[in-house]
Amino acid sequence: MIYQLVKEKISQIRLLFPNGPRKSIKTTEHKSLWRSAHDSRLLSGLDRALYNERERQLIMELIRNDEWIIEEKNDLIAMLNAAGPF
């Protein structure tokens, strides 16, 4: 949801595709649960139009498996290199 709010104010912002390990929401005691987990096509209330197919697939997999990616576990340099020129 943070990305969507920022996108409204800075339309040229881009997402970096995460490369960190996926973790179970339940085993990490993370308090933010996916909404509408029974139907991953809903993207938990996210605006589908703001995400490309690869991003939507990742979101749906995370929802389906009740997982999340801890931001601090991503390799930022690798993510920037994979994103290409800005």
PDB file of N, CA and C in Angstrom:
ATOM      1  N   MET A   1       0.821  -1.193   0.000  1.00  0.00           N
ATOM      2  CA  MET A   1       0.000   0.000   0.000  1.00  0.00           C
ATOM      3  C   MET A   1       0.868   1.262   0.000  1.00  0.00           C
ATOM      4  N   ILE A   2       2.042   1.203   0.615  1.00  0.00           N
ATOM      5  CA  ILE A   2       2.919   2.375   0.653  1.00  0.00           C
ATOM      6  C   ILE A   2       3.294   2.785  -0.765  1.00  0.00           C
ATOM      7  N   TYR A   3       3.636   1.809  -1.594  1.00  0.00           N
ATOM      8  CA  TYR A   3       3.991   2.102  -2.984  1.00  0.00           C
ATOM      9  C   TYR A   3       2.860   2.842  -3.684  1.00  0.00           C
ATOM     10  N   GLN A   4       1.641   2.410  -3.505  1.00  0.00           N
ATOM     11  CA  GLN A   4       0.505   3.049  -4.162  1.00  0.00           C
ATOM     12  C   GLN A   4       0.347   4.500  -3.723  1.00  0.00           C
ATOM     13  N   LEU A   5       0.520   4.757  -2.437  1.00  0.00           N
ATOM     14  CA  LEU A   5       0.394   6.121  -1.932  1.00  0.00           C
ATOM     15  C   LEU A   5       1.496   7.017  -2.478  1.00  0.00           C
ATOM     16  N   VAL A   6       2.715   6.493  -2.558  1.00  0.00           N
ATOM     17  CA  VAL A   6       3.828   7.269  -3.106  1.00  0.00           C
ATOM     18  C   VAL A   6       3.624   7.485  -4.600  1.00  0.00           C
ATOM     19  N   LYS A   7       3.147   6.478  -5.302  1.00  0.00           N
ATOM     20  CA  LYS A   7       2.918   6.556  -6.751  1.00  0.00           C
ATOM     21  C   LYS A   7       1.941   7.684  -7.102  1.00  0.00           C
ATOM     22  N   GLU A   8       0.980   7.942  -6.225  1.00  0.00           N
ATOM     23  CA  GLU A   8       0.029   9.034  -6.454  1.00  0.00           C
ATOM     24  C   GLU A   8       0.731  10.383  -6.459  1.00  0.00           C
ATOM     25  N   LYS A   9       1.796  10.520  -5.674  1.00  0.00           N
ATOM     26  CA  LYS A   9       2.506  11.790  -5.546  1.00  0.00           C
ATOM     27  C   LYS A   9       3.719  11.886  -6.467  1.00  0.00           C
ATOM     28  N   ILE A  10       4.362  10.748  -6.740  1.00  0.00           N
ATOM     29  CA  ILE A  10       5.552  10.702  -7.594  1.00  0.00           C
ATOM     30  C   ILE A  10       5.298   9.646  -8.663  1.00  0.00           C
ATOM     31  N   SER A  11       4.676  10.042  -9.742  1.00  0.00           N
ATOM     32  CA  SER A  11       4.207   9.081 -10.745  1.00  0.00           C
ATOM     33  C   SER A  11       5.337   8.308 -11.421  1.00  0.00           C
ATOM     34  N   GLN A  12       6.541   8.857 -11.476  1.00  0.00           N
ATOM     35  CA  GLN A  12       7.636   8.175 -12.168  1.00  0.00           C
ATOM     36  C   GLN A  12       8.369   7.157 -11.293  1.00  0.00           C
ATOM     37  N   ILE A  13       7.960   6.989 -10.042  1.00  0.00           N
ATOM     38  CA  ILE A  13       8.616   6.026  -9.153  1.00  0.00           C
ATOM     39  C   ILE A  13       8.470   4.611  -9.712  1.00  0.00           C
ATOM     40  N   ARG A  14       9.505   3.787  -9.510  1.00  0.00           N
ATOM     41  CA  ARG A  14       9.480   2.396  -9.969  1.00  0.00           C
ATOM     42  C   ARG A  14       9.758   1.476  -8.800  1.00  0.00           C
ATOM     43  N   LEU A  15       9.234   0.279  -8.897  1.00  0.00           N
ATOM     44  CA  LEU A  15       9.504  -0.747  -7.894  1.00  0.00           C
ATOM     45  C   LEU A  15      10.778  -1.500  -8.253  1.00  0.00           C
ATOM     46  N   LEU A  16      11.503  -1.907  -7.245  1.00  0.00           N
ATOM     47  CA  LEU A  16      12.593  -2.856  -7.434  1.00  0.00           C
ATOM     48  C   LEU A  16      12.025  -4.230  -7.101  1.00  0.00           C
ATOM     49  N   PHE A  17      12.369  -5.218  -7.908  1.00  0.00           N
ATOM     50  CA  PHE A  17      11.855  -6.571  -7.665  1.00  0.00           C
ATOM     51  C   PHE A  17      12.662  -7.197  -6.538  1.00  0.00           C
ATOM     52  N   PRO A  18      12.004  -7.644  -5.474  1.00  0.00           N
ATOM     53  CA  PRO A  18      12.724  -8.160  -4.307  1.00  0.00           C
ATOM     54  C   PRO A  18      13.432  -9.476  -4.593  1.00  0.00           C
ATOM     55  N   ASN A  19      14.551  -9.673  -3.911  1.00  0.00           N
ATOM     56  CA  ASN A  19      15.299 -10.917  -4.074  1.00  0.00           C
ATOM     57  C   ASN A  19      15.579 -11.586  -2.723  1.00  0.00           C
ATOM     58  N   GLY A  20      14.968 -11.070  -1.683  1.00  0.00           N
ATOM     59  CA  GLY A  20      15.153 -11.645  -0.351  1.00  0.00           C
ATOM     60  C   GLY A  20      14.363 -12.929  -0.189  1.00  0.00           C
ATOM     61  N   PRO A  21      14.716 -13.705   0.823  1.00  0.00           N
ATOM     62  CA  PRO A  21      13.998 -14.965   1.058  1.00  0.00           C
ATOM     63  C   PRO A  21      12.570 -14.719   1.535  1.00  0.00           C
ATOM     64  N   ARG A  22      11.699 -15.609   1.158  1.00  0.00           N
ATOM     65  CA  ARG A  22      10.306 -15.547   1.615  1.00  0.00           C
ATOM     66  C   ARG A  22      10.211 -16.193   2.980  1.00  0.00           C
ATOM     67  N   LYS A  23       9.398 -15.617   3.826  1.00  0.00           N
ATOM     68  CA  LYS A  23       9.207 -16.147   5.178  1.00  0.00           C
ATOM     69  C   LYS A  23       7.715 -16.292   5.457  1.00  0.00           C
ATOM     70  N   SER A  24       7.370 -17.280   6.234  1.00  0.00           N
ATOM     71  CA  SER A  24       5.983 -17.470   6.647  1.00  0.00           C
ATOM     72  C   SER A  24       5.561 -16.316   7.551  1.00  0.00           C
ATOM     73  N   ILE A  25       4.415 -15.759   7.294  1.00  0.00           N
ATOM     74  CA  ILE A  25       3.898 -14.684   8.134  1.00  0.00           C
ATOM     75  C   ILE A  25       3.668 -15.200   9.552  1.00  0.00           C
ATOM     76  N   LYS A  26       3.160 -16.416   9.645  1.00  0.00           N
ATOM     77  CA  LYS A  26       2.833 -16.971  10.966  1.00  0.00           C
ATOM     78  C   LYS A  26       4.074 -17.282  11.790  1.00  0.00           C
ATOM     79  N   THR A  27       5.100 -17.873  11.179  1.00  0.00           N
ATOM     80  CA  THR A  27       6.278 -18.247  11.964  1.00  0.00           C
ATOM     81  C   THR A  27       7.138 -17.050  12.344  1.00  0.00           C
ATOM     82  N   THR A  28       7.025 -15.957  11.597  1.00  0.00           N
ATOM     83  CA  THR A  28       7.808 -14.766  11.932  1.00  0.00           C
ATOM     84  C   THR A  28       7.023 -13.823  12.836  1.00  0.00           C
ATOM     85  N   GLU A  29       5.809 -14.209  13.161  1.00  0.00           N
ATOM     86  CA  GLU A  29       4.935 -13.404  14.014  1.00  0.00           C
ATOM     87  C   GLU A  29       4.724 -11.995  13.463  1.00  0.00           C
ATOM     88  N   HIS A  30       4.737 -11.886  12.147  1.00  0.00           N
ATOM     89  CA  HIS A  30       4.465 -10.603  11.498  1.00  0.00           C
ATOM     90  C   HIS A  30       2.991 -10.275  11.703  1.00  0.00           C
ATOM     91  N   LYS A  31       2.682  -9.059  12.040  1.00  0.00           N
ATOM     92  CA  LYS A  31       1.303  -8.697  12.391  1.00  0.00           C
ATOM     93  C   LYS A  31       0.452  -8.261  11.194  1.00  0.00           C
ATOM     94  N   SER A  32       1.062  -8.035  10.036  1.00  0.00           N
ATOM     95  CA  SER A  32       0.311  -7.624   8.854  1.00  0.00           C
ATOM     96  C   SER A  32      -0.058  -8.853   8.036  1.00  0.00           C
ATOM     97  N   LEU A  33      -1.318  -9.181   8.009  1.00  0.00           N
ATOM     98  CA  LEU A  33      -1.782 -10.341   7.258  1.00  0.00           C
ATOM     99  C   LEU A  33      -2.345  -9.897   5.917  1.00  0.00           C
ATOM    100  N   TRP A  34      -2.271 -10.784   4.938  1.00  0.00           N
ATOM    101  CA  TRP A  34      -2.855 -10.498   3.637  1.00  0.00           C
ATOM    102  C   TRP A  34      -4.372 -10.450   3.753  1.00  0.00           C
ATOM    103  N   ARG A  35      -4.974  -9.491   3.127  1.00  0.00           N
ATOM    104  CA  ARG A  35      -6.437  -9.459   3.049  1.00  0.00           C
ATOM    105  C   ARG A  35      -6.861 -10.340   1.881  1.00  0.00           C
ATOM    106  N   SER A  36      -8.027 -10.914   1.978  1.00  0.00           N
ATOM    107  CA  SER A  36      -8.595 -11.743   0.913  1.00  0.00           C
ATOM    108  C   SER A  36      -7.671 -12.882   0.523  1.00  0.00           C
ATOM    109  N   ALA A  37      -7.051 -13.497   1.486  1.00  0.00           N
ATOM    110  CA  ALA A  37      -6.119 -14.583   1.199  1.00  0.00           C
ATOM    111  C   ALA A  37      -6.804 -15.758   0.507  1.00  0.00           C
ATOM    112  N   HIS A  38      -8.114 -15.873   0.641  1.00  0.00           N
ATOM    113  CA  HIS A  38      -8.838 -16.973   0.000  1.00  0.00           C
ATOM    114  C   HIS A  38      -8.905 -16.808  -1.516  1.00  0.00           C
ATOM    115  N   ASP A  39      -8.678 -15.610  -2.034  1.00  0.00           N
ATOM    116  CA  ASP A  39      -8.710 -15.367  -3.477  1.00  0.00           C
ATOM    117  C   ASP A  39      -7.536 -14.467  -3.844  1.00  0.00           C
ATOM    118  N   SER A  40      -6.410 -15.066  -4.194  1.00  0.00           N
ATOM    119  CA  SER A  40      -5.192 -14.298  -4.451  1.00  0.00           C
ATOM    120  C   SER A  40      -5.317 -13.363  -5.652  1.00  0.00           C
ATOM    121  N   ARG A  41      -6.288 -13.589  -6.530  1.00  0.00           N
ATOM    122  CA  ARG A  41      -6.464 -12.702  -7.682  1.00  0.00           C
ATOM    123  C   ARG A  41      -6.814 -11.284  -7.249  1.00  0.00           C
ATOM    124  N   LEU A  42      -7.289 -11.126  -6.024  1.00  0.00           N
ATOM    125  CA  LEU A  42      -7.676  -9.802  -5.534  1.00  0.00           C
ATOM    126  C   LEU A  42      -6.468  -8.976  -5.107  1.00  0.00           C
ATOM    127  N   LEU A  43      -5.318  -9.576  -5.037  1.00  0.00           N
ATOM    128  CA  LEU A  43      -4.077  -8.892  -4.660  1.00  0.00           C
ATOM    129  C   LEU A  43      -4.188  -8.158  -3.336  1.00  0.00           C
ATOM    130  N   SER A  44      -4.990  -8.668  -2.455  1.00  0.00           N
ATOM    131  CA  SER A  44      -5.083  -8.138  -1.090  1.00  0.00           C
ATOM    132  C   SER A  44      -5.414  -6.646  -1.057  1.00  0.00           C
ATOM    133  N   GLY A  45      -6.234  -6.199  -1.985  1.00  0.00           N
ATOM    134  CA  GLY A  45      -6.639  -4.795  -2.010  1.00  0.00           C
ATOM    135  C   GLY A  45      -5.709  -3.880  -2.789  1.00  0.00           C
ATOM    136  N   LEU A  46      -4.643  -4.430  -3.372  1.00  0.00           N
ATOM    137  CA  LEU A  46      -3.713  -3.615  -4.154  1.00  0.00           C
ATOM    138  C   LEU A  46      -4.293  -3.332  -5.540  1.00  0.00           C
ATOM    139  N   ASP A  47      -3.913  -2.214  -6.130  1.00  0.00           N
ATOM    140  CA  ASP A  47      -4.371  -1.831  -7.456  1.00  0.00           C
ATOM    141  C   ASP A  47      -3.570  -2.604  -8.506  1.00  0.00           C
ATOM    142  N   ARG A  48      -4.193  -3.579  -9.144  1.00  0.00           N
ATOM    143  CA  ARG A  48      -3.521  -4.442 -10.128  1.00  0.00           C
ATOM    144  C   ARG A  48      -2.841  -3.651 -11.235  1.00  0.00           C
ATOM    145  N   ALA A  49      -3.403  -2.512 -11.606  1.00  0.00           N
ATOM    146  CA  ALA A  49      -2.881  -1.717 -12.719  1.00  0.00           C
ATOM    147  C   ALA A  49      -1.488  -1.149 -12.433  1.00  0.00           C
ATOM    148  N   LEU A  50      -1.105  -1.056 -11.177  1.00  0.00           N
ATOM    149  CA  LEU A  50       0.190  -0.479 -10.821  1.00  0.00           C
ATOM    150  C   LEU A  50       1.329  -1.489 -10.851  1.00  0.00           C
ATOM    151  N   TYR A  51       1.021  -2.749 -11.089  1.00  0.00           N
ATOM    152  CA  TYR A  51       2.018  -3.812 -11.019  1.00  0.00           C
ATOM    153  C   TYR A  51       2.085  -4.556 -12.344  1.00  0.00           C
ATOM    154  N   ASN A  52       3.294  -4.890 -12.786  1.00  0.00           N
ATOM    155  CA  ASN A  52       3.418  -5.657 -14.015  1.00  0.00           C
ATOM    156  C   ASN A  52       3.114  -7.134 -13.716  1.00  0.00           C
ATOM    157  N   GLU A  53       3.116  -7.954 -14.749  1.00  0.00           N
ATOM    158  CA  GLU A  53       2.732  -9.356 -14.593  1.00  0.00           C
ATOM    159  C   GLU A  53       3.655 -10.091 -13.610  1.00  0.00           C
ATOM    160  N   ARG A  54       4.934  -9.852 -13.704  1.00  0.00           N
ATOM    161  CA  ARG A  54       5.894 -10.506 -12.801  1.00  0.00           C
ATOM    162  C   ARG A  54       5.620 -10.122 -11.350  1.00  0.00           C
ATOM    163  N   GLU A  55       5.366  -8.853 -11.118  1.00  0.00           N
ATOM    164  CA  GLU A  55       5.076  -8.378  -9.756  1.00  0.00           C
ATOM    165  C   GLU A  55       3.768  -8.952  -9.234  1.00  0.00           C
ATOM    166  N   ARG A  56       2.752  -8.991 -10.106  1.00  0.00           N
ATOM    167  CA  ARG A  56       1.462  -9.567  -9.695  1.00  0.00           C
ATOM    168  C   ARG A  56       1.611 -11.045  -9.352  1.00  0.00           C
ATOM    169  N   GLN A  57       2.393 -11.772 -10.139  1.00  0.00           N
ATOM    170  CA  GLN A  57       2.616 -13.196  -9.868  1.00  0.00           C
ATOM    171  C   GLN A  57       3.277 -13.392  -8.508  1.00  0.00           C
ATOM    172  N   LEU A  58       4.278 -12.568  -8.198  1.00  0.00           N
ATOM    173  CA  LEU A  58       4.942 -12.669  -6.899  1.00  0.00           C
ATOM    174  C   LEU A  58       3.960 -12.374  -5.772  1.00  0.00           C
ATOM    175  N   ILE A  59       3.181 -11.325  -5.919  1.00  0.00           N
ATOM    176  CA  ILE A  59       2.200 -10.971  -4.890  1.00  0.00           C
ATOM    177  C   ILE A  59       1.222 -12.124  -4.677  1.00  0.00           C
ATOM    178  N   MET A  60       0.728 -12.710  -5.773  1.00  0.00           N
ATOM    179  CA  MET A  60      -0.222 -13.811  -5.655  1.00  0.00           C
ATOM    180  C   MET A  60       0.407 -15.022  -4.981  1.00  0.00           C
ATOM    181  N   GLU A  61       1.673 -15.307  -5.286  1.00  0.00           N
ATOM    182  CA  GLU A  61       2.360 -16.426  -4.638  1.00  0.00           C
ATOM    183  C   GLU A  61       2.533 -16.166  -3.141  1.00  0.00           C
ATOM    184  N   LEU A  62       2.896 -14.949  -2.796  1.00  0.00           N
ATOM    185  CA  LEU A  62       3.056 -14.606  -1.383  1.00  0.00           C
ATOM    186  C   LEU A  62       1.731 -14.750  -0.639  1.00  0.00           C
ATOM    187  N   ILE A  63       0.662 -14.286  -1.251  1.00  0.00           N
ATOM    188  CA  ILE A  63      -0.658 -14.398  -0.629  1.00  0.00           C
ATOM    189  C   ILE A  63      -1.043 -15.872  -0.484  1.00  0.00           C
ATOM    190  N   ARG A  64      -0.904 -16.611  -1.566  1.00  0.00           N
ATOM    191  CA  ARG A  64      -1.299 -18.028  -1.575  1.00  0.00           C
ATOM    192  C   ARG A  64      -0.540 -18.822  -0.514  1.00  0.00           C
ATOM    193  N   ASN A  65       0.744 -18.519  -0.326  1.00  0.00           N
ATOM    194  CA  ASN A  65       1.571 -19.255   0.627  1.00  0.00           C
ATOM    195  C   ASN A  65       1.640 -18.593   1.998  1.00  0.00           C
ATOM    196  N   ASP A  66       0.906 -17.499   2.164  1.00  0.00           N
ATOM    197  CA  ASP A  66       0.889 -16.766   3.431  1.00  0.00           C
ATOM    198  C   ASP A  66       2.312 -16.385   3.859  1.00  0.00           C
ATOM    199  N   GLU A  67       3.032 -15.768   2.912  1.00  0.00           N
ATOM    200  CA  GLU A  67       4.419 -15.385   3.129  1.00  0.00           C
ATOM    201  C   GLU A  67       4.608 -13.893   2.894  1.00  0.00           C
ATOM    202  N   TRP A  68       5.784 -13.423   3.271  1.00  0.00           N
ATOM    203  CA  TRP A  68       6.193 -12.057   2.991  1.00  0.00           C
ATOM    204  C   TRP A  68       7.700 -12.053   2.810  1.00  0.00           C
ATOM    205  N   ILE A  69       8.240 -10.941   2.320  1.00  0.00           N
ATOM    206  CA  ILE A  69       9.680 -10.791   2.138  1.00  0.00           C
ATOM    207  C   ILE A  69      10.133  -9.653   3.042  1.00  0.00           C
ATOM    208  N   ILE A  70      11.057  -9.960   3.912  1.00  0.00           N
ATOM    209  CA  ILE A  70      11.572  -8.954   4.837  1.00  0.00           C
ATOM    210  C   ILE A  70      12.473  -8.004   4.048  1.00  0.00           C
ATOM    211  N   GLU A  71      12.126  -6.729   4.024  1.00  0.00           N
ATOM    212  CA  GLU A  71      12.837  -5.745   3.211  1.00  0.00           C
ATOM    213  C   GLU A  71      14.336  -5.742   3.470  1.00  0.00           C
ATOM    214  N   GLU A  72      14.730  -5.829   4.723  1.00  0.00           N
ATOM    215  CA  GLU A  72      16.141  -5.738   5.088  1.00  0.00           C
ATOM    216  C   GLU A  72      16.958  -6.942   4.616  1.00  0.00           C
ATOM    217  N   LYS A  73      16.297  -8.002   4.191  1.00  0.00           N
ATOM    218  CA  LYS A  73      16.986  -9.206   3.730  1.00  0.00           C
ATOM    219  C   LYS A  73      17.271  -9.183   2.226  1.00  0.00           C
ATOM    220  N   ASN A  74      16.793  -8.152   1.524  1.00  0.00           N
ATOM    221  CA  ASN A  74      17.040  -8.024   0.092  1.00  0.00           C
ATOM    222  C   ASN A  74      18.467  -7.550  -0.158  1.00  0.00           C
ATOM    223  N   ASP A  75      19.032  -7.939  -1.299  1.00  0.00           N
ATOM    224  CA  ASP A  75      20.332  -7.459  -1.741  1.00  0.00           C
ATOM    225  C   ASP A  75      20.077  -6.265  -2.656  1.00  0.00           C
ATOM    226  N   LEU A  76      20.184  -5.064  -2.101  1.00  0.00           N
ATOM    227  CA  LEU A  76      19.825  -3.844  -2.824  1.00  0.00           C
ATOM    228  C   LEU A  76      20.675  -3.645  -4.077  1.00  0.00           C
ATOM    229  N   ILE A  77      21.957  -3.907  -3.999  1.00  0.00           N
ATOM    230  CA  ILE A  77      22.829  -3.739  -5.168  1.00  0.00           C
ATOM    231  C   ILE A  77      22.384  -4.664  -6.305  1.00  0.00           C
ATOM    232  N   ALA A  78      22.111  -5.912  -5.987  1.00  0.00           N
ATOM    233  CA  ALA A  78      21.645  -6.860  -6.994  1.00  0.00           C
ATOM    234  C   ALA A  78      20.296  -6.426  -7.558  1.00  0.00           C
ATOM    235  N   MET A  79      19.432  -5.894  -6.724  1.00  0.00           N
ATOM    236  CA  MET A  79      18.118  -5.425  -7.182  1.00  0.00           C
ATOM    237  C   MET A  79      18.277  -4.253  -8.144  1.00  0.00           C
ATOM    238  N   LEU A  80      19.163  -3.318  -7.825  1.00  0.00           N
ATOM    239  CA  LEU A  80      19.407  -2.164  -8.709  1.00  0.00           C
ATOM    240  C   LEU A  80      20.004  -2.618 -10.026  1.00  0.00           C
ATOM    241  N   ASN A  81      20.969  -3.543  -9.978  1.00  0.00           N
ATOM    242  CA  ASN A  81      21.575  -4.051 -11.217  1.00  0.00           C
ATOM    243  C   ASN A  81      20.542  -4.753 -12.085  1.00  0.00           C
ATOM    244  N   ALA A  82      19.659  -5.510 -11.487  1.00  0.00           N
ATOM    245  CA  ALA A  82      18.616  -6.223 -12.236  1.00  0.00           C
ATOM    246  C   ALA A  82      17.586  -5.279 -12.842  1.00  0.00           C
ATOM    247  N   ALA A  83      17.381  -4.129 -12.209  1.00  0.00           N
ATOM    248  CA  ALA A  83      16.366  -3.178 -12.668  1.00  0.00           C
ATOM    249  C   ALA A  83      16.788  -2.452 -13.943  1.00  0.00           C
ATOM    250  N   GLY A  84      18.080  -2.393 -14.201  1.00  0.00           N
ATOM    251  CA  GLY A  84      18.556  -1.680 -15.385  1.00  0.00           C
ATOM    252  C   GLY A  84      18.589  -0.189 -15.141  1.00  0.00           C
ATOM    253  N   PRO A  85      18.791   0.576 -16.218  1.00  0.00           N
ATOM    254  CA  PRO A  85      18.926   2.039 -16.077  1.00  0.00           C
ATOM    255  C   PRO A  85      17.625   2.706 -15.638  1.00  0.00           C
ATOM    256  N   PHE A  86      17.787   3.763 -14.886  1.00  0.00           N
ATOM    257  CA  PHE A  86      16.612   4.526 -14.421  1.00  0.00           C
ATOM    258  C   PHE A  86      16.439   5.763 -15.233  1.00  0.00           C
TER     259      PHE A  86
END
